[in-house]
C-alpha atoms as a PDB file:
ATOM      1  CA  MET A   1      50.717  41.760   4.125  1.00  0.00           C
ATOM      2  CA  ASN A   2      47.218  41.181   2.876  1.00  0.00           C
ATOM      3  CA  SER A   3      45.352  42.949   1.449  1.00  0.00           C
ATOM      4  CA  ARG A   4      41.638  41.411   1.614  1.00  0.00           C
ATOM      5  CA  PRO A   5      39.494  43.486   3.843  1.00  0.00           C
ATOM      6  CA  GLU A   6      39.093  42.019   7.126  1.00  0.00           C
ATOM      7  CA  GLY A   7      36.057  39.205   7.272  1.00  0.00           C
ATOM      8  CA  ILE A   8      35.227  38.915   3.646  1.00  0.00           C
ATOM      9  CA  ASP A   9      35.271  35.312   2.373  1.00  0.00           C
ATOM     10  CA  LEU A  10      36.504  36.503  -1.588  1.00  0.00           C
ATOM     11  CA  ALA A  11      34.967  32.609  -2.665  1.00  0.00           C
ATOM     12  CA  ALA A  12      31.614  33.617  -1.328  1.00  0.00           C
ATOM     13  CA  ARG A  13      31.430  37.360  -3.041  1.00  0.00           C
ATOM     14  CA  SER A  14      32.766  35.174  -6.505  1.00  0.00           C
ATOM     15  CA  ARG A  15      29.613  32.575  -6.115  1.00  0.00           C
ATOM     16  CA  ALA A  16      27.258  35.827  -5.330  1.00  0.00           C
ATOM     17  CA  ARG A  17      28.611  37.372  -8.279  1.00  0.00           C
ATOM     18  CA  ARG A  18      27.992  34.439 -10.425  1.00  0.00           C
ATOM     19  CA  ARG A  19      24.608  34.152  -8.510  1.00  0.00           C
ATOM     20  CA  ALA A  20      23.555  37.714  -9.559  1.00  0.00           C
ATOM     21  CA  LEU A  21      24.520  37.272 -12.775  1.00  0.00           C
ATOM     22  CA  GLN A  22      22.039  34.341 -13.148  1.00  0.00           C
ATOM     23  CA  ALA A  23      19.341  36.688 -11.776  1.00  0.00           C
ATOM     24  CA  LEU A  24      19.982  39.553 -13.800  1.00  0.00           C
ATOM     25  CA  TYR A  25      19.593  37.624 -17.081  1.00  0.00           C
ATOM     26  CA  ALA A  26      16.497  36.094 -15.298  1.00  0.00           C
ATOM     27  CA  TRP A  27      15.362  39.477 -14.569  1.00  0.00           C
ATOM     28  CA  GLN A  28      16.351  41.037 -17.541  1.00  0.00           C
ATOM     29  CA  LEU A  29      14.369  38.326 -19.404  1.00  0.00           C
ATOM     30  CA  SER A  30      10.968  37.829 -17.426  1.00  0.00           C
ATOM     31  CA  GLY A  31      10.720  42.008 -16.755  1.00  0.00           C
ATOM     32  CA  SER A  32       9.473  40.892 -12.640  1.00  0.00           C
ATOM     33  CA  HIS A  33      10.203  42.539 -10.642  1.00  0.00           C
ATOM     34  CA  MET A  34      13.591  42.135  -8.658  1.00  0.00           C
ATOM     35  CA  ASN A  35      12.622  40.988  -5.159  1.00  0.00           C
ATOM     36  CA  ALA A  36      10.415  38.224  -6.928  1.00  0.00           C
ATOM     37  CA  VAL A  37      13.638  37.387  -8.992  1.00  0.00           C
ATOM     38  CA  ILE A  38      15.535  37.086  -5.584  1.00  0.00           C
ATOM     39  CA  ASP A  39      13.227  34.891  -3.422  1.00  0.00           C
ATOM     40  CA  GLN A  40      13.264  32.862  -6.044  1.00  0.00           C
ATOM     41  CA  PHE A  41      17.025  32.487  -6.374  1.00  0.00           C
ATOM     42  CA  ARG A  42      17.116  32.301  -2.646  1.00  0.00           C
ATOM     43  CA  HIS A  43      14.515  28.856  -3.059  1.00  0.00           C
ATOM     44  CA  GLU A  44      16.006  27.184  -6.026  1.00  0.00           C
ATOM     45  CA  GLN A  45      20.103  27.965  -5.798  1.00  0.00           C
ATOM     46  CA  ASP A  46      22.441  26.978  -3.498  1.00  0.00           C
ATOM     47  CA  MET A  47      22.961  30.125  -1.590  1.00  0.00           C
ATOM     48  CA  GLU A  48      24.170  29.217   2.137  1.00  0.00           C
ATOM     49  CA  ILE A  49      27.658  29.033   0.026  1.00  0.00           C
ATOM     50  CA  ALA A  50      27.248  32.703  -1.279  1.00  0.00           C
ATOM     51  CA  ASP A  51      27.443  35.835   0.509  1.00  0.00           C
ATOM     52  CA  LEU A  52      23.528  36.763   0.245  1.00  0.00           C
ATOM     53  CA  GLU A  53      24.788  40.259   1.618  1.00  0.00           C
ATOM     54  CA  TYR A  54      26.411  41.065  -1.665  1.00  0.00           C
ATOM     55  CA  PHE A  55      24.543  39.157  -3.960  1.00  0.00           C
ATOM     56  CA  GLU A  56      21.354  41.695  -2.821  1.00  0.00           C
ATOM     57  CA  ASP A  57      22.796  44.648  -2.607  1.00  0.00           C
ATOM     58  CA  LEU A  58      24.474  44.227  -6.414  1.00  0.00           C
ATOM     59  CA  LEU A  59      21.076  42.905  -7.440  1.00  0.00           C
ATOM     60  CA  HIS A  60      18.900  46.437  -5.632  1.00  0.00           C
ATOM     61  CA  GLY A  61      21.936  48.174  -6.747  1.00  0.00           C
ATOM     62  CA  VAL A  62      21.938  47.543 -10.932  1.00  0.00           C
ATOM     63  CA  GLU A  63      17.800  47.420 -10.807  1.00  0.00           C
ATOM     64  CA  LYS A  64      18.266  51.661  -8.839  1.00  0.00           C
ATOM     65  CA  ASN A  65      20.809  52.235 -10.936  1.00  0.00           C
ATOM     66  CA  VAL A  66      20.259  50.791 -14.331  1.00  0.00           C
ATOM     67  CA  ASP A  67      19.539  54.117 -16.662  1.00  0.00           C
ATOM     68  CA  ALA A  68      22.544  55.427 -14.603  1.00  0.00           C
ATOM     69  CA  LEU A  69      24.866  52.263 -15.329  1.00  0.00           C
ATOM     70  CA  ASP A  70      23.483  52.192 -19.170  1.00  0.00           C
ATOM     71  CA  GLU A  71      24.543  55.445 -19.698  1.00  0.00           C
ATOM     72  CA  ALA A  72      27.659  55.038 -18.386  1.00  0.00           C
ATOM     73  CA  LEU A  73      28.461  51.942 -20.881  1.00  0.00           C
ATOM     74  CA  ARG A  74      27.015  54.083 -23.570  1.00  0.00           C
ATOM     75  CA  PRO A  75      30.444  55.780 -24.951  1.00  0.00           C
ATOM     76  CA  HIS A  76      31.945  52.124 -24.844  1.00  0.00           C
ATOM     77  CA  ILE A  77      29.848  50.068 -26.455  1.00  0.00           C
ATOM     78  CA  ASP A  78      29.165  49.410 -30.502  1.00  0.00           C
ATOM     79  CA  ARG A  79      25.413  49.308 -30.063  1.00  0.00           C
ATOM     80  CA  GLU A  80      22.568  49.660 -28.218  1.00  0.00           C
ATOM     81  CA  VAL A  81      22.483  48.284 -24.497  1.00  0.00           C
ATOM     82  CA  ALA A  82      19.284  45.988 -25.609  1.00  0.00           C
ATOM     83  CA  GLN A  83      20.974  44.816 -28.015  1.00  0.00           C
ATOM     84  CA  ILE A  84      24.082  43.375 -26.159  1.00  0.00           C
ATOM     85  CA  ASP A  85      23.651  39.222 -25.832  1.00  0.00           C
ATOM     86  CA  PRO A  86      21.452  39.451 -22.503  1.00  0.00           C
ATOM     87  CA  ILE A  87      24.817  37.100 -20.639  1.00  0.00           C
ATOM     88  CA  GLU A  88      27.157  40.086 -22.068  1.00  0.00           C
ATOM     89  CA  ARG A  89      24.780  42.532 -20.971  1.00  0.00           C
ATOM     90  CA  ALA A  90      23.932  41.388 -17.191  1.00  0.00           C
ATOM     91  CA  ALA A  91      27.692  40.937 -16.700  1.00  0.00           C
ATOM     92  CA  LEU A  92      28.156  44.541 -17.854  1.00  0.00           C
ATOM     93  CA  ARG A  93      25.659  45.953 -15.804  1.00  0.00           C
ATOM     94  CA  LEU A  94      26.670  43.945 -12.797  1.00  0.00           C
ATOM     95  CA  ALA A  95      30.657  45.116 -13.384  1.00  0.00           C
ATOM     96  CA  ALA A  96      29.478  48.922 -13.910  1.00  0.00           C
ATOM     97  CA  TYR A  97      27.912  48.636 -10.696  1.00  0.00           C
ATOM     98  CA  GLU A  98      30.618  47.600  -9.207  1.00  0.00           C
ATOM     99  CA  LEU A  99      33.089  50.124 -11.162  1.00  0.00           C
ATOM    100  CA  LYS A 100      30.281  52.946 -10.103  1.00  0.00           C
ATOM    101  CA  PHE A 101      29.235  52.047  -6.331  1.00  0.00           C
ATOM    102  CA  ARG A 102      31.518  49.958  -4.899  1.00  0.00           C
ATOM    103  CA  PRO A 103      35.299  51.060  -4.405  1.00  0.00           C
ATOM    104  CA  ASP A 104      36.164  49.108  -2.047  1.00  0.00           C
ATOM    105  CA  VAL A 105      36.183  46.348  -4.299  1.00  0.00           C
ATOM    106  CA  PRO A 106      39.589  46.484  -6.647  1.00  0.00           C
ATOM    107  CA  TYR A 107      39.210  47.445 -10.402  1.00  0.00           C
ATOM    108  CA  ARG A 108      41.022  44.318 -11.263  1.00  0.00           C
ATOM    109  CA  VAL A 109      38.798  41.832  -9.033  1.00  0.00           C
ATOM    110  CA  ILE A 110      35.577  43.255 -10.532  1.00  0.00           C
ATOM    111  CA  ILE A 111      36.526  42.995 -14.540  1.00  0.00           C
ATOM    112  CA  ASN A 112      38.651  40.029 -13.738  1.00  0.00           C
ATOM    113  CA  GLU A 113      35.363  38.115 -11.793  1.00  0.00           C
ATOM    114  CA  ALA A 114      32.728  39.498 -14.617  1.00  0.00           C
ATOM    115  CA  ILE A 115      34.979  37.937 -17.436  1.00  0.00           C
ATOM    116  CA  GLU A 116      35.295  34.970 -15.813  1.00  0.00           C
ATOM    117  CA  VAL A 117      31.283  34.853 -15.145  1.00  0.00           C
ATOM    118  CA  THR A 118      31.149  35.766 -18.943  1.00  0.00           C
ATOM    119  CA  LYS A 119      33.751  32.735 -19.967  1.00  0.00           C
ATOM    120  CA  ARG A 120      31.216  30.510 -17.911  1.00  0.00           C
ATOM    121  CA  PHE A 121      27.453  31.279 -18.700  1.00  0.00           C
ATOM    122  CA  GLY A 122      28.434  34.023 -22.451  1.00  0.00           C
ATOM    123  CA  ALA A 123      29.300  33.259 -25.955  1.00  0.00           C
ATOM    124  CA  ASP A 124      32.370  32.037 -26.987  1.00  0.00           C
ATOM    125  CA  HIS A 125      34.280  35.531 -27.190  1.00  0.00           C
ATOM    126  CA  GLY A 126      31.688  37.624 -25.238  1.00  0.00           C
ATOM    127  CA  HIS A 127      34.650  37.783 -22.907  1.00  0.00           C
ATOM    128  CA  SER A 128      36.397  39.703 -24.777  1.00  0.00           C
ATOM    129  CA  TYR A 129      34.129  41.972 -25.320  1.00  0.00           C
ATOM    130  CA  VAL A 130      33.208  42.610 -21.555  1.00  0.00           C
ATOM    131  CA  ASN A 131      36.757  42.895 -20.826  1.00  0.00           C
ATOM    132  CA  GLY A 132      37.299  46.184 -23.852  1.00  0.00           C
ATOM    133  CA  VAL A 133      34.442  47.253 -22.591  1.00  0.00           C
ATOM    134  CA  LEU A 134      34.912  47.496 -18.982  1.00  0.00           C
ATOM    135  CA  ASP A 135      38.579  48.230 -19.625  1.00  0.00           C
ATOM    136  CA  LYS A 136      37.563  51.454 -21.105  1.00  0.00           C
ATOM    137  CA  LEU A 137      34.762  51.949 -18.385  1.00  0.00           C
ATOM    138  CA  ALA A 138      37.418  51.680 -15.468  1.00  0.00           C
ATOM    139  CA  THR A 139      39.642  54.049 -16.850  1.00  0.00           C
ATOM    140  CA  GLU A 140      36.916  56.717 -16.499  1.00  0.00           C
ATOM    141  CA  LEU A 141      35.292  55.813 -13.312  1.00  0.00           C
ATOM    142  CA  ARG A 142      38.745  54.467 -11.479  1.00  0.00           C
ATOM    143  CA  ALA A 143      40.970  56.497 -13.271  1.00  0.00           C
ATOM    144  CA  VAL A 144      43.079  56.998  -9.972  1.00  0.00           C
ATOM    145  CA  GLU A 145      43.182  53.653  -8.992  1.00  0.00           C
ATOM    146  CA  LYS A 146      44.278  52.364 -12.389  1.00  0.00           C
ATOM    147  CA  ARG A 147      46.617  55.090 -12.550  1.00  0.00           C
ATOM    148  CA  GLY A 148      48.063  54.119  -9.430  1.00  0.00           C
END
């Protein structure tokens, strides 16, 4: 039995998340408008192999809900959001958005992808921090799914 939703390319979604992490990192550091960051990534990155629609949904979703996402993360972190390493902060915000607003994506996929992108782009043990925070957040936001 295949549990993958019809028509979804999981590899393209994974690439979209990697690109979205990089774009969020750039957005956080530059303070540019998200549309400018998206345009820059369309021109500079190999976006045809990523799920462009999902990439844009993630970025606009984080931008629109950043205060609510940071508020959701706050009880599970040991410092101010602004003090978290920028890569880890981008990964946490991205995953928090998916946990909160994309119930179509299983929480285990979200956490696993966040760990993988943090391993790839972040500090040596950043993925452990991201895993711990997101596990607590998933318990809060996806309690029914986690119990099931």
